[in-house]
PDB file of N, CA and C in Angstrom:
ATOM      1  N   MET A   1      12.680  45.660  29.796  1.00  0.00           N
ATOM      2  CA  MET A   1      13.954  44.831  30.045  1.00  0.00           C
ATOM      3  C   MET A   1      14.390  45.718  28.590  1.00  0.00           C
ATOM      4  N   ASN A   2      15.446  45.998  27.811  1.00  0.00           N
ATOM      5  CA  ASN A   2      15.482  47.689  27.576  1.00  0.00           C
ATOM      6  C   ASN A   2      16.449  46.615  26.262  1.00  0.00           C
ATOM      7  N   PHE A   3      16.464  46.726  24.862  1.00  0.00           N
ATOM      8  CA  PHE A   3      17.763  46.103  24.335  1.00  0.00           C
ATOM      9  C   PHE A   3      19.311  46.820  24.746  1.00  0.00           C
ATOM     10  N   GLN A   4      19.291  47.912  24.876  1.00  0.00           N
ATOM     11  CA  GLN A   4      20.420  48.863  25.878  1.00  0.00           C
ATOM     12  C   GLN A   4      21.185  47.612  26.940  1.00  0.00           C
ATOM     13  N   ASP A   5      19.975  47.268  27.629  1.00  0.00           N
ATOM     14  CA  ASP A   5      21.200  46.625  28.849  1.00  0.00           C
ATOM     15  C   ASP A   5      21.758  44.793  27.984  1.00  0.00           C
ATOM     16  N   ILE A   6      21.412  44.818  27.134  1.00  0.00           N
ATOM     17  CA  ILE A   6      21.607  42.499  26.285  1.00  0.00           C
ATOM     18  C   ILE A   6      22.557  43.495  26.330  1.00  0.00           C
ATOM     19  N   GLU A   7      23.636  42.476  27.172  1.00  0.00           N
ATOM     20  CA  GLU A   7      24.822  42.125  25.960  1.00  0.00           C
ATOM     21  C   GLU A   7      25.012  41.903  24.678  1.00  0.00           C
ATOM     22  N   PRO A   8      25.569  42.415  24.084  1.00  0.00           N
ATOM     23  CA  PRO A   8      25.869  42.182  21.856  1.00  0.00           C
ATOM     24  C   PRO A   8      25.985  40.830  22.201  1.00  0.00           C
ATOM     25  N   GLU A   9      26.663  39.840  22.560  1.00  0.00           N
ATOM     26  CA  GLU A   9      26.819  38.621  22.606  1.00  0.00           C
ATOM     27  C   GLU A   9      26.165  37.947  22.603  1.00  0.00           C
ATOM     28  N   ARG A  10      24.923  38.048  23.699  1.00  0.00           N
ATOM     29  CA  ARG A  10      23.881  37.188  23.849  1.00  0.00           C
ATOM     30  C   ARG A  10      22.781  37.262  22.835  1.00  0.00           C
ATOM     31  N   ILE A  11      22.687  39.189  22.168  1.00  0.00           N
ATOM     32  CA  ILE A  11      21.810  39.426  21.066  1.00  0.00           C
ATOM     33  C   ILE A  11      21.971  38.299  19.600  1.00  0.00           C
ATOM     34  N   ALA A  12      23.612  38.845  19.245  1.00  0.00           N
ATOM     35  CA  ALA A  12      24.326  38.003  18.350  1.00  0.00           C
ATOM     36  C   ALA A  12      23.260  36.410  18.106  1.00  0.00           C
ATOM     37  N   ASN A  13      23.535  35.659  19.498  1.00  0.00           N
ATOM     38  CA  ASN A  13      22.834  34.880  20.408  1.00  0.00           C
ATOM     39  C   ASN A  13      21.958  34.235  19.417  1.00  0.00           C
ATOM     40  N   MET A  14      20.856  35.639  20.237  1.00  0.00           N
ATOM     41  CA  MET A  14      19.021  35.357  19.526  1.00  0.00           C
ATOM     42  C   MET A  14      18.753  35.235  18.750  1.00  0.00           C
ATOM     43  N   ARG A  15      19.211  36.006  17.653  1.00  0.00           N
ATOM     44  CA  ARG A  15      19.251  36.934  16.371  1.00  0.00           C
ATOM     45  C   ARG A  15      19.842  35.364  15.773  1.00  0.00           C
ATOM     46  N   ILE A  16      21.090  34.420  15.559  1.00  0.00           N
ATOM     47  CA  ILE A  16      20.470  33.488  15.542  1.00  0.00           C
ATOM     48  C   ILE A  16      20.253  32.526  15.544  1.00  0.00           C
ATOM     49  N   LEU A  17      19.061  32.246  16.946  1.00  0.00           N
ATOM     50  CA  LEU A  17      18.162  31.083  16.885  1.00  0.00           C
ATOM     51  C   LEU A  17      17.014  31.428  16.488  1.00  0.00           C
ATOM     52  N   LEU A  18      16.880  32.964  16.818  1.00  0.00           N
ATOM     53  CA  LEU A  18      15.421  33.615  15.081  1.00  0.00           C
ATOM     54  C   LEU A  18      15.769  33.171  14.093  1.00  0.00           C
ATOM     55  N   HIS A  19      16.774  32.846  13.443  1.00  0.00           N
ATOM     56  CA  HIS A  19      16.935  33.050  12.377  1.00  0.00           C
ATOM     57  C   HIS A  19      16.269  31.011  11.937  1.00  0.00           C
ATOM     58  N   TRP A  20      17.858  30.328  12.753  1.00  0.00           N
ATOM     59  CA  TRP A  20      17.248  28.739  12.958  1.00  0.00           C
ATOM     60  C   TRP A  20      15.712  28.161  12.968  1.00  0.00           C
ATOM     61  N   PHE A  21      15.331  29.507  14.437  1.00  0.00           N
ATOM     62  CA  PHE A  21      13.371  29.131  14.301  1.00  0.00           C
ATOM     63  C   PHE A  21      13.368  29.116  12.814  1.00  0.00           C
ATOM     64  N   GLY A  22      13.127  30.349  12.208  1.00  0.00           N
ATOM     65  CA  GLY A  22      12.556  30.634  11.238  1.00  0.00           C
ATOM     66  C   GLY A  22      13.191  30.104   9.854  1.00  0.00           C
ATOM     67  N   GLY A  23      14.424  29.307   9.853  1.00  0.00           N
ATOM     68  CA  GLY A  23      14.578  28.531   9.047  1.00  0.00           C
ATOM     69  C   GLY A  23      13.568  27.298   8.976  1.00  0.00           C
ATOM     70  N   ALA A  24      13.608  26.802   9.649  1.00  0.00           N
ATOM     71  CA  ALA A  24      12.838  25.363  10.999  1.00  0.00           C
ATOM     72  C   ALA A  24      11.314  25.582  10.553  1.00  0.00           C
ATOM     73  N   ALA A  25      10.516  26.687  10.357  1.00  0.00           N
ATOM     74  CA  ALA A  25       9.584  26.951  10.360  1.00  0.00           C
ATOM     75  C   ALA A  25       9.075  26.672   8.613  1.00  0.00           C
ATOM     76  N   VAL A  26      10.246  27.708   7.934  1.00  0.00           N
ATOM     77  CA  VAL A  26       9.775  26.690   7.235  1.00  0.00           C
ATOM     78  C   VAL A  26       9.587  26.260   5.815  1.00  0.00           C
ATOM     79  N   THR A  27      10.572  25.297   6.637  1.00  0.00           N
ATOM     80  CA  THR A  27      11.001  24.725   5.792  1.00  0.00           C
ATOM     81  C   THR A  27       9.995  22.485   6.718  1.00  0.00           C
ATOM     82  N   ALA A  28       9.565  23.226   7.712  1.00  0.00           N
ATOM     83  CA  ALA A  28       8.240  22.950   8.190  1.00  0.00           C
ATOM     84  C   ALA A  28       7.086  22.994   7.165  1.00  0.00           C
ATOM     85  N   LEU A  29       6.715  24.320   6.681  1.00  0.00           N
ATOM     86  CA  LEU A  29       5.585  24.572   5.806  1.00  0.00           C
ATOM     87  C   LEU A  29       5.325  24.060   4.487  1.00  0.00           C
ATOM     88  N   ILE A  30       6.882  24.026   4.220  1.00  0.00           N
ATOM     89  CA  ILE A  30       7.382  23.518   2.343  1.00  0.00           C
ATOM     90  C   ILE A  30       6.681  21.721   2.623  1.00  0.00           C
ATOM     91  N   ILE A  31       7.368  21.102   3.680  1.00  0.00           N
ATOM     92  CA  ILE A  31       7.282  20.295   3.752  1.00  0.00           C
ATOM     93  C   ILE A  31       5.819  19.130   4.028  1.00  0.00           C
ATOM     94  N   GLY A  32       5.060  19.951   4.951  1.00  0.00           N
ATOM     95  CA  GLY A  32       3.371  20.219   4.897  1.00  0.00           C
ATOM     96  C   GLY A  32       2.302  20.193   3.849  1.00  0.00           C
ATOM     97  N   GLY A  33       3.148  21.270   2.996  1.00  0.00           N
ATOM     98  CA  GLY A  33       2.201  21.904   1.436  1.00  0.00           C
ATOM     99  C   GLY A  33       2.558  19.891   0.625  1.00  0.00           C
ATOM    100  N   PHE A  34       3.849  19.955   0.565  1.00  0.00           N
ATOM    101  CA  PHE A  34       4.064  19.020  -0.020  1.00  0.00           C
ATOM    102  C   PHE A  34       2.997  17.743   0.485  1.00  0.00           C
ATOM    103  N   SER A  35       3.403  17.580   1.466  1.00  0.00           N
ATOM    104  CA  SER A  35       2.647  16.600   1.874  1.00  0.00           C
ATOM    105  C   SER A  35       1.311  16.707   1.308  1.00  0.00           C
ATOM    106  N   ALA A  36       0.165  17.031   2.365  1.00  0.00           N
ATOM    107  CA  ALA A  36      -1.624  17.593   1.767  1.00  0.00           C
ATOM    108  C   ALA A  36      -0.854  17.732   0.368  1.00  0.00           C
ATOM    109  N   MET A  37      -0.765  17.676  -0.403  1.00  0.00           N
ATOM    110  CA  MET A  37      -0.834  17.209  -2.472  1.00  0.00           C
ATOM    111  C   MET A  37      -1.243  15.793  -2.556  1.00  0.00           C
ATOM    112  N   GLY A  38      -0.341  14.624  -1.905  1.00  0.00           N
ATOM    113  CA  GLY A  38      -0.866  13.781  -2.193  1.00  0.00           C
ATOM    114  C   GLY A  38       0.738  12.911  -2.054  1.00  0.00           C
ATOM    115  N   PRO A  39      -0.293  12.273  -2.636  1.00  0.00           N
ATOM    116  CA  PRO A  39       1.476  10.869  -3.069  1.00  0.00           C
ATOM    117  C   PRO A  39       1.501  11.012  -4.257  1.00  0.00           C
ATOM    118  N   ALA A  40       2.483  10.891  -4.702  1.00  0.00           N
ATOM    119  CA  ALA A  40       2.726  11.228  -6.406  1.00  0.00           C
ATOM    120  C   ALA A  40       1.688  10.799  -7.585  1.00  0.00           C
ATOM    121  N   THR A  41       1.608  10.166  -8.328  1.00  0.00           N
ATOM    122  CA  THR A  41       0.944   9.526  -8.992  1.00  0.00           C
ATOM    123  C   THR A  41       1.969   8.127  -9.568  1.00  0.00           C
ATOM    124  N   HIS A  42       2.486   7.747 -10.122  1.00  0.00           N
ATOM    125  CA  HIS A  42       2.726   6.153 -10.436  1.00  0.00           C
ATOM    126  C   HIS A  42       2.318   6.398 -12.237  1.00  0.00           C
ATOM    127  N   THR A  43       3.355   7.054 -12.968  1.00  0.00           N
ATOM    128  CA  THR A  43       3.534   6.930 -14.170  1.00  0.00           C
ATOM    129  C   THR A  43       4.035   5.579 -14.825  1.00  0.00           C
ATOM    130  N   GLY A  44       4.054   4.742 -14.269  1.00  0.00           N
ATOM    131  CA  GLY A  44       4.379   3.609 -15.334  1.00  0.00           C
ATOM    132  C   GLY A  44       3.814   2.429 -16.082  1.00  0.00           C
ATOM    133  N   THR A  45       3.938   1.776 -16.036  1.00  0.00           N
ATOM    134  CA  THR A  45       2.254   0.675 -16.802  1.00  0.00           C
ATOM    135  C   THR A  45       1.435   0.118 -15.653  1.00  0.00           C
ATOM    136  N   PRO A  46       0.325   0.392 -16.999  1.00  0.00           N
ATOM    137  CA  PRO A  46      -0.942   0.836 -15.285  1.00  0.00           C
ATOM    138  C   PRO A  46      -0.538  -0.885 -15.207  1.00  0.00           C
ATOM    139  N   VAL A  47      -1.289  -1.653 -13.924  1.00  0.00           N
ATOM    140  CA  VAL A  47      -1.880  -3.179 -13.251  1.00  0.00           C
ATOM    141  C   VAL A  47      -3.065  -2.591 -13.724  1.00  0.00           C
ATOM    142  N   HIS A  48      -3.553  -3.377 -14.899  1.00  0.00           N
ATOM    143  CA  HIS A  48      -4.959  -4.420 -15.103  1.00  0.00           C
ATOM    144  C   HIS A  48      -5.411  -5.237 -13.881  1.00  0.00           C
ATOM    145  N   GLN A  49      -7.127  -4.583 -13.876  1.00  0.00           N
ATOM    146  CA  GLN A  49      -7.944  -5.551 -12.981  1.00  0.00           C
ATOM    147  C   GLN A  49      -7.620  -7.409 -13.117  1.00  0.00           C
ATOM    148  N   ALA A  50      -7.007  -7.410 -14.417  1.00  0.00           N
ATOM    149  CA  ALA A  50      -6.968  -9.279 -14.134  1.00  0.00           C
ATOM    150  C   ALA A  50      -5.451  -9.691 -13.606  1.00  0.00           C
ATOM    151  N   ASP A  51      -4.639  -7.749 -13.589  1.00  0.00           N
ATOM    152  CA  ASP A  51      -3.241  -8.448 -12.826  1.00  0.00           C
ATOM    153  C   ASP A  51      -3.581  -8.722 -12.009  1.00  0.00           C
ATOM    154  N   ALA A  52      -4.065  -7.130 -11.022  1.00  0.00           N
ATOM    155  CA  ALA A  52      -4.344  -7.037  -9.440  1.00  0.00           C
ATOM    156  C   ALA A  52      -5.357  -7.837  -9.201  1.00  0.00           C
ATOM    157  N   ILE A  53      -5.949  -8.920  -9.413  1.00  0.00           N
ATOM    158  CA  ILE A  53      -6.679 -10.391  -8.897  1.00  0.00           C
ATOM    159  C   ILE A  53      -5.775 -11.645  -9.158  1.00  0.00           C
ATOM    160  N   LEU A  54      -5.071 -12.287  -9.990  1.00  0.00           N
ATOM    161  CA  LEU A  54      -3.615 -12.742 -10.562  1.00  0.00           C
ATOM    162  C   LEU A  54      -3.113 -12.528  -8.848  1.00  0.00           C
ATOM    163  N   THR A  55      -2.459 -11.317  -8.792  1.00  0.00           N
ATOM    164  CA  THR A  55      -1.802 -11.373  -7.584  1.00  0.00           C
ATOM    165  C   THR A  55      -2.069 -10.831  -6.147  1.00  0.00           C
ATOM    166  N   GLY A  56      -3.573 -10.891  -5.940  1.00  0.00           N
ATOM    167  CA  GLY A  56      -3.700 -10.454  -4.441  1.00  0.00           C
ATOM    168  C   GLY A  56      -3.825 -11.619  -3.866  1.00  0.00           C
ATOM    169  N   ALA A  57      -3.723 -11.306  -2.156  1.00  0.00           N
ATOM    170  CA  ALA A  57      -4.249 -12.332  -1.765  1.00  0.00           C
ATOM    171  C   ALA A  57      -5.055 -14.115  -1.511  1.00  0.00           C
ATOM    172  N   PRO A  58      -6.144 -13.528  -1.593  1.00  0.00           N
ATOM    173  CA  PRO A  58      -7.394 -14.191  -1.951  1.00  0.00           C
ATOM    174  C   PRO A  58      -7.246 -15.160  -3.205  1.00  0.00           C
ATOM    175  N   TYR A  59      -6.440 -14.773  -4.189  1.00  0.00           N
ATOM    176  CA  TYR A  59      -6.353 -15.464  -5.470  1.00  0.00           C
ATOM    177  C   TYR A  59      -4.854 -16.215  -5.201  1.00  0.00           C
ATOM    178  N   ARG A  60      -4.609 -16.230  -4.653  1.00  0.00           N
ATOM    179  CA  ARG A  60      -2.825 -16.434  -4.671  1.00  0.00           C
ATOM    180  C   ARG A  60      -3.314 -17.693  -3.239  1.00  0.00           C
ATOM    181  N   ASP A  61      -3.978 -17.340  -2.109  1.00  0.00           N
ATOM    182  CA  ASP A  61      -4.314 -18.458  -1.317  1.00  0.00           C
ATOM    183  C   ASP A  61      -5.507 -19.391  -1.586  1.00  0.00           C
ATOM    184  N   GLY A  62      -6.355 -18.941  -2.987  1.00  0.00           N
ATOM    185  CA  GLY A  62      -7.410 -20.010  -3.732  1.00  0.00           C
ATOM    186  C   GLY A  62      -6.259 -20.676  -4.603  1.00  0.00           C
ATOM    187  N   LEU A  63      -5.141 -20.158  -4.814  1.00  0.00           N
ATOM    188  CA  LEU A  63      -4.347 -21.100  -5.035  1.00  0.00           C
ATOM    189  C   LEU A  63      -3.405 -22.322  -5.017  1.00  0.00           C
ATOM    190  N   PHE A  64      -2.899 -21.616  -3.550  1.00  0.00           N
ATOM    191  CA  PHE A  64      -2.366 -22.140  -2.804  1.00  0.00           C
ATOM    192  C   PHE A  64      -3.211 -23.535  -2.613  1.00  0.00           C
ATOM    193  N   ILE A  65      -3.619 -23.649  -1.561  1.00  0.00           N
ATOM    194  CA  ILE A  65      -5.154 -24.447  -0.899  1.00  0.00           C
ATOM    195  C   ILE A  65      -5.481 -25.783  -2.744  1.00  0.00           C
ATOM    196  N   GLY A  66      -5.690 -24.480  -3.810  1.00  0.00           N
ATOM    197  CA  GLY A  66      -6.508 -25.614  -4.458  1.00  0.00           C
ATOM    198  C   GLY A  66      -5.214 -26.523  -5.149  1.00  0.00           C
ATOM    199  N   GLN A  67      -4.087 -26.115  -5.187  1.00  0.00           N
ATOM    200  CA  GLN A  67      -3.024 -27.189  -5.226  1.00  0.00           C
ATOM    201  C   GLN A  67      -2.431 -27.953  -4.467  1.00  0.00           C
ATOM    202  N   LEU A  68      -2.452 -28.145  -3.078  1.00  0.00           N
ATOM    203  CA  LEU A  68      -2.723 -28.493  -1.784  1.00  0.00           C
ATOM    204  C   LEU A  68      -3.269 -30.053  -1.689  1.00  0.00           C
ATOM    205  N   GLN A  69      -4.464 -29.309  -1.703  1.00  0.00           N
ATOM    206  CA  GLN A  69      -5.514 -30.368  -2.357  1.00  0.00           C
ATOM    207  C   GLN A  69      -5.509 -31.384  -3.036  1.00  0.00           C
ATOM    208  N   ARG A  70      -4.824 -30.629  -4.586  1.00  0.00           N
ATOM    209  CA  ARG A  70      -4.751 -32.076  -5.405  1.00  0.00           C
ATOM    210  C   ARG A  70      -3.974 -32.671  -5.259  1.00  0.00           C
ATOM    211  N   ARG A  71      -2.470 -31.829  -4.290  1.00  0.00           N
ATOM    212  CA  ARG A  71      -1.434 -33.251  -4.383  1.00  0.00           C
ATOM    213  C   ARG A  71      -1.607 -33.728  -3.212  1.00  0.00           C
ATOM    214  N   GLN A  72      -2.564 -33.824  -2.571  1.00  0.00           N
ATOM    215  CA  GLN A  72      -2.996 -35.266  -1.342  1.00  0.00           C
ATOM    216  C   GLN A  72      -4.580 -35.583  -2.196  1.00  0.00           C
ATOM    217  N   GLY A  73      -4.935 -35.499  -2.810  1.00  0.00           N
ATOM    218  CA  GLY A  73      -5.298 -36.551  -3.227  1.00  0.00           C
ATOM    219  C   GLY A  73      -7.346 -35.970  -3.061  1.00  0.00           C
ATOM    220  N   ALA A  74      -7.249 -35.183  -2.391  1.00  0.00           N
ATOM    221  CA  ALA A  74      -8.453 -34.890  -1.950  1.00  0.00           C
ATOM    222  C   ALA A  74      -9.896 -34.227  -2.384  1.00  0.00           C
ATOM    223  N   LYS A  75     -10.864 -34.614  -2.150  1.00  0.00           N
ATOM    224  CA  LYS A  75     -11.857 -34.004  -3.045  1.00  0.00           C
ATOM    225  C   LYS A  75     -12.095 -32.446  -2.919  1.00  0.00           C
ATOM    226  N   GLN A  76     -12.197 -32.159  -4.322  1.00  0.00           N
ATOM    227  CA  GLN A  76     -12.440 -30.502  -4.252  1.00  0.00           C
ATOM    228  C   GLN A  76     -13.441 -29.898  -3.319  1.00  0.00           C
ATOM    229  N   HIS A  77     -13.309 -28.877  -2.867  1.00  0.00           N
ATOM    230  CA  HIS A  77     -14.055 -28.105  -1.462  1.00  0.00           C
ATOM    231  C   HIS A  77     -13.489 -27.072  -1.443  1.00  0.00           C
ATOM    232  N   ILE A  78     -14.144 -25.771  -1.885  1.00  0.00           N
ATOM    233  CA  ILE A  78     -13.805 -24.894  -1.728  1.00  0.00           C
ATOM    234  C   ILE A  78     -14.346 -24.198  -0.471  1.00  0.00           C
ATOM    235  N   THR A  79     -13.298 -23.796   0.155  1.00  0.00           N
ATOM    236  CA  THR A  79     -13.954 -23.213   1.531  1.00  0.00           C
ATOM    237  C   THR A  79     -12.979 -21.590   1.374  1.00  0.00           C
ATOM    238  N   TRP A  80     -13.892 -20.975   1.053  1.00  0.00           N
ATOM    239  CA  TRP A  80     -14.056 -19.351   1.272  1.00  0.00           C
ATOM    240  C   TRP A  80     -13.915 -18.341   1.855  1.00  0.00           C
ATOM    241  N   GLY A  81     -14.970 -18.914   3.025  1.00  0.00           N
ATOM    242  CA  GLY A  81     -15.383 -18.407   3.701  1.00  0.00           C
ATOM    243  C   GLY A  81     -14.601 -17.301   5.097  1.00  0.00           C
ATOM    244  N   ARG A  82     -12.812 -17.935   4.901  1.00  0.00           N
ATOM    245  CA  ARG A  82     -12.212 -16.352   5.396  1.00  0.00           C
ATOM    246  C   ARG A  82     -12.402 -15.287   5.124  1.00  0.00           C
ATOM    247  N   TRP A  83     -13.110 -15.102   3.368  1.00  0.00           N
ATOM    248  CA  TRP A  83     -13.008 -13.823   2.884  1.00  0.00           C
ATOM    249  C   TRP A  83     -14.168 -12.387   2.816  1.00  0.00           C
ATOM    250  N   SER A  84     -14.345 -11.643   3.027  1.00  0.00           N
ATOM    251  CA  SER A  84     -15.806 -11.349   3.709  1.00  0.00           C
ATOM    252  C   SER A  84     -16.231 -10.380   2.511  1.00  0.00           C
ATOM    253  N   THR A  85     -16.059 -10.289   1.318  1.00  0.00           N
ATOM    254  CA  THR A  85     -16.151  -9.464   0.433  1.00  0.00           C
ATOM    255  C   THR A  85     -16.542 -10.207  -0.775  1.00  0.00           C
ATOM    256  N   GLN A  86     -17.426 -10.342  -1.488  1.00  0.00           N
ATOM    257  CA  GLN A  86     -18.037 -10.520  -3.347  1.00  0.00           C
ATOM    258  C   GLN A  86     -16.472 -11.001  -3.983  1.00  0.00           C
ATOM    259  N   ALA A  87     -15.496 -10.161  -3.966  1.00  0.00           N
ATOM    260  CA  ALA A  87     -14.455 -10.124  -4.660  1.00  0.00           C
ATOM    261  C   ALA A  87     -13.464 -10.592  -4.668  1.00  0.00           C
ATOM    262  N   ASP A  88     -13.777 -10.852  -3.264  1.00  0.00           N
ATOM    263  CA  ASP A  88     -12.132 -10.970  -2.227  1.00  0.00           C
ATOM    264  C   ASP A  88     -12.310 -13.228  -3.121  1.00  0.00           C
ATOM    265  N   ARG A  89     -13.449 -13.389  -2.471  1.00  0.00           N
ATOM    266  CA  ARG A  89     -14.485 -14.539  -2.920  1.00  0.00           C
ATOM    267  C   ARG A  89     -14.316 -15.060  -4.209  1.00  0.00           C
ATOM    268  N   GLN A  90     -14.627 -14.414  -4.902  1.00  0.00           N
ATOM    269  CA  GLN A  90     -14.509 -14.371  -6.563  1.00  0.00           C
ATOM    270  C   GLN A  90     -13.025 -14.296  -6.525  1.00  0.00           C
ATOM    271  N   ALA A  91     -12.352 -14.257  -5.936  1.00  0.00           N
ATOM    272  CA  ALA A  91     -10.574 -14.111  -6.258  1.00  0.00           C
ATOM    273  C   ALA A  91     -10.110 -15.549  -5.635  1.00  0.00           C
ATOM    274  N   PHE A  92     -10.621 -15.794  -5.115  1.00  0.00           N
ATOM    275  CA  PHE A  92     -10.128 -16.583  -4.131  1.00  0.00           C
ATOM    276  C   PHE A  92     -10.817 -18.286  -4.043  1.00  0.00           C
ATOM    277  N   ILE A  93     -12.332 -18.410  -5.490  1.00  0.00           N
ATOM    278  CA  ILE A  93     -12.906 -19.654  -5.896  1.00  0.00           C
ATOM    279  C   ILE A  93     -11.928 -19.614  -7.088  1.00  0.00           C
ATOM    280  N   ALA A  94     -11.559 -18.147  -7.943  1.00  0.00           N
ATOM    281  CA  ALA A  94     -11.198 -18.553  -9.016  1.00  0.00           C
ATOM    282  C   ALA A  94      -9.468 -19.126  -9.041  1.00  0.00           C
ATOM    283  N   GLY A  95      -8.500 -18.482  -7.914  1.00  0.00           N
ATOM    284  CA  GLY A  95      -8.077 -19.216  -7.455  1.00  0.00           C
ATOM    285  C   GLY A  95      -7.193 -20.248  -7.007  1.00  0.00           C
ATOM    286  N   TYR A  96      -9.189 -21.287  -6.906  1.00  0.00           N
ATOM    287  CA  TYR A  96      -8.731 -22.203  -5.976  1.00  0.00           C
ATOM    288  C   TYR A  96      -9.041 -23.258  -7.010  1.00  0.00           C
ATOM    289  N   GLN A  97      -9.143 -22.890  -7.612  1.00  0.00           N
ATOM    290  CA  GLN A  97     -10.224 -23.350  -9.342  1.00  0.00           C
ATOM    291  C   GLN A  97      -8.281 -24.138 -10.292  1.00  0.00           C
ATOM    292  N   GLN A  98      -8.436 -22.609 -11.383  1.00  0.00           N
ATOM    293  CA  GLN A  98      -6.335 -22.338 -10.993  1.00  0.00           C
ATOM    294  C   GLN A  98      -5.651 -23.591 -10.701  1.00  0.00           C
ATOM    295  N   GLY A  99      -5.389 -24.161  -9.011  1.00  0.00           N
ATOM    296  CA  GLY A  99      -5.127 -24.374  -8.758  1.00  0.00           C
ATOM    297  C   GLY A  99      -5.022 -26.090  -8.862  1.00  0.00           C
ATOM    298  N   TYR A 100      -6.622 -25.941  -8.578  1.00  0.00           N
ATOM    299  CA  TYR A 100      -6.709 -27.303  -8.175  1.00  0.00           C
ATOM    300  C   TYR A 100      -6.743 -28.408 -10.221  1.00  0.00           C
ATOM    301  N   GLY A 101      -6.631 -27.648 -10.562  1.00  0.00           N
ATOM    302  CA  GLY A 101      -6.994 -27.694 -12.171  1.00  0.00           C
ATOM    303  C   GLY A 101      -8.011 -28.169 -12.563  1.00  0.00           C
ATOM    304  N   SER A 102      -9.474 -27.215 -12.285  1.00  0.00           N
ATOM    305  CA  SER A 102     -10.358 -27.390 -13.466  1.00  0.00           C
ATOM    306  C   SER A 102     -11.147 -26.590 -14.071  1.00  0.00           C
ATOM    307  N   ALA A 103      -9.866 -24.840 -14.082  1.00  0.00           N
ATOM    308  CA  ALA A 103      -9.707 -23.685 -14.589  1.00  0.00           C
ATOM    309  C   ALA A 103      -9.046 -23.549 -15.611  1.00  0.00           C
ATOM    310  N   PRO A 104      -8.782 -23.577 -16.295  1.00  0.00           N
ATOM    311  CA  PRO A 104      -7.552 -22.466 -17.694  1.00  0.00           C
ATOM    312  C   PRO A 104      -7.930 -21.844 -17.246  1.00  0.00           C
ATOM    313  N   ALA A 105      -6.403 -21.320 -17.283  1.00  0.00           N
ATOM    314  CA  ALA A 105      -5.281 -19.525 -16.725  1.00  0.00           C
ATOM    315  C   ALA A 105      -6.587 -18.281 -17.621  1.00  0.00           C
ATOM    316  N   GLU A 106      -7.199 -18.594 -18.540  1.00  0.00           N
ATOM    317  CA  GLU A 106      -7.373 -17.337 -19.769  1.00  0.00           C
ATOM    318  C   GLU A 106      -8.360 -16.993 -19.243  1.00  0.00           C
ATOM    319  N   SER A 107      -9.711 -18.027 -18.524  1.00  0.00           N
ATOM    320  CA  SER A 107     -10.217 -17.914 -17.818  1.00  0.00           C
ATOM    321  C   SER A 107     -10.492 -17.342 -16.614  1.00  0.00           C
ATOM    322  N   VAL A 108      -9.407 -17.803 -16.244  1.00  0.00           N
ATOM    323  CA  VAL A 108      -9.159 -16.739 -14.420  1.00  0.00           C
ATOM    324  C   VAL A 108      -8.812 -15.123 -14.525  1.00  0.00           C
ATOM    325  N   ALA A 109      -8.035 -14.766 -15.675  1.00  0.00           N
ATOM    326  CA  ALA A 109      -8.059 -13.691 -16.263  1.00  0.00           C
ATOM    327  C   ALA A 109      -8.870 -13.092 -16.843  1.00  0.00           C
ATOM    328  N   GLN A 110      -9.710 -13.579 -17.559  1.00  0.00           N
ATOM    329  CA  GLN A 110     -11.025 -12.509 -17.907  1.00  0.00           C
ATOM    330  C   GLN A 110     -11.851 -12.881 -16.606  1.00  0.00           C
ATOM    331  N   GLN A 111     -11.970 -12.869 -15.779  1.00  0.00           N
ATOM    332  CA  GLN A 111     -13.213 -13.041 -14.564  1.00  0.00           C
ATOM    333  C   GLN A 111     -12.733 -11.489 -13.831  1.00  0.00           C
TER     334      GLN A 111
END
């Protein structure tokens, strides 16, 4: 097939498609390049390790269980078995002690 045999309108449509696909390919390359660079860094206030512990799920879980057992008048009994890592267990215990009332807040933040 020769270009001379193709209608001019069809050639114009093919050029539009080629430009569109070319633009889409360039856009995909740009987006892919930014994605490969990784997530942007957060420039706000840094999160301290103590803040991360106090807002983590193991600590909050321990805090809730400790408060619940204290309200129910139950004996202090720490059940940390559901947390698999040592750091999670320590955070749970710190939260439990805080919730039950056996540890001041300052000592929990320092752990």
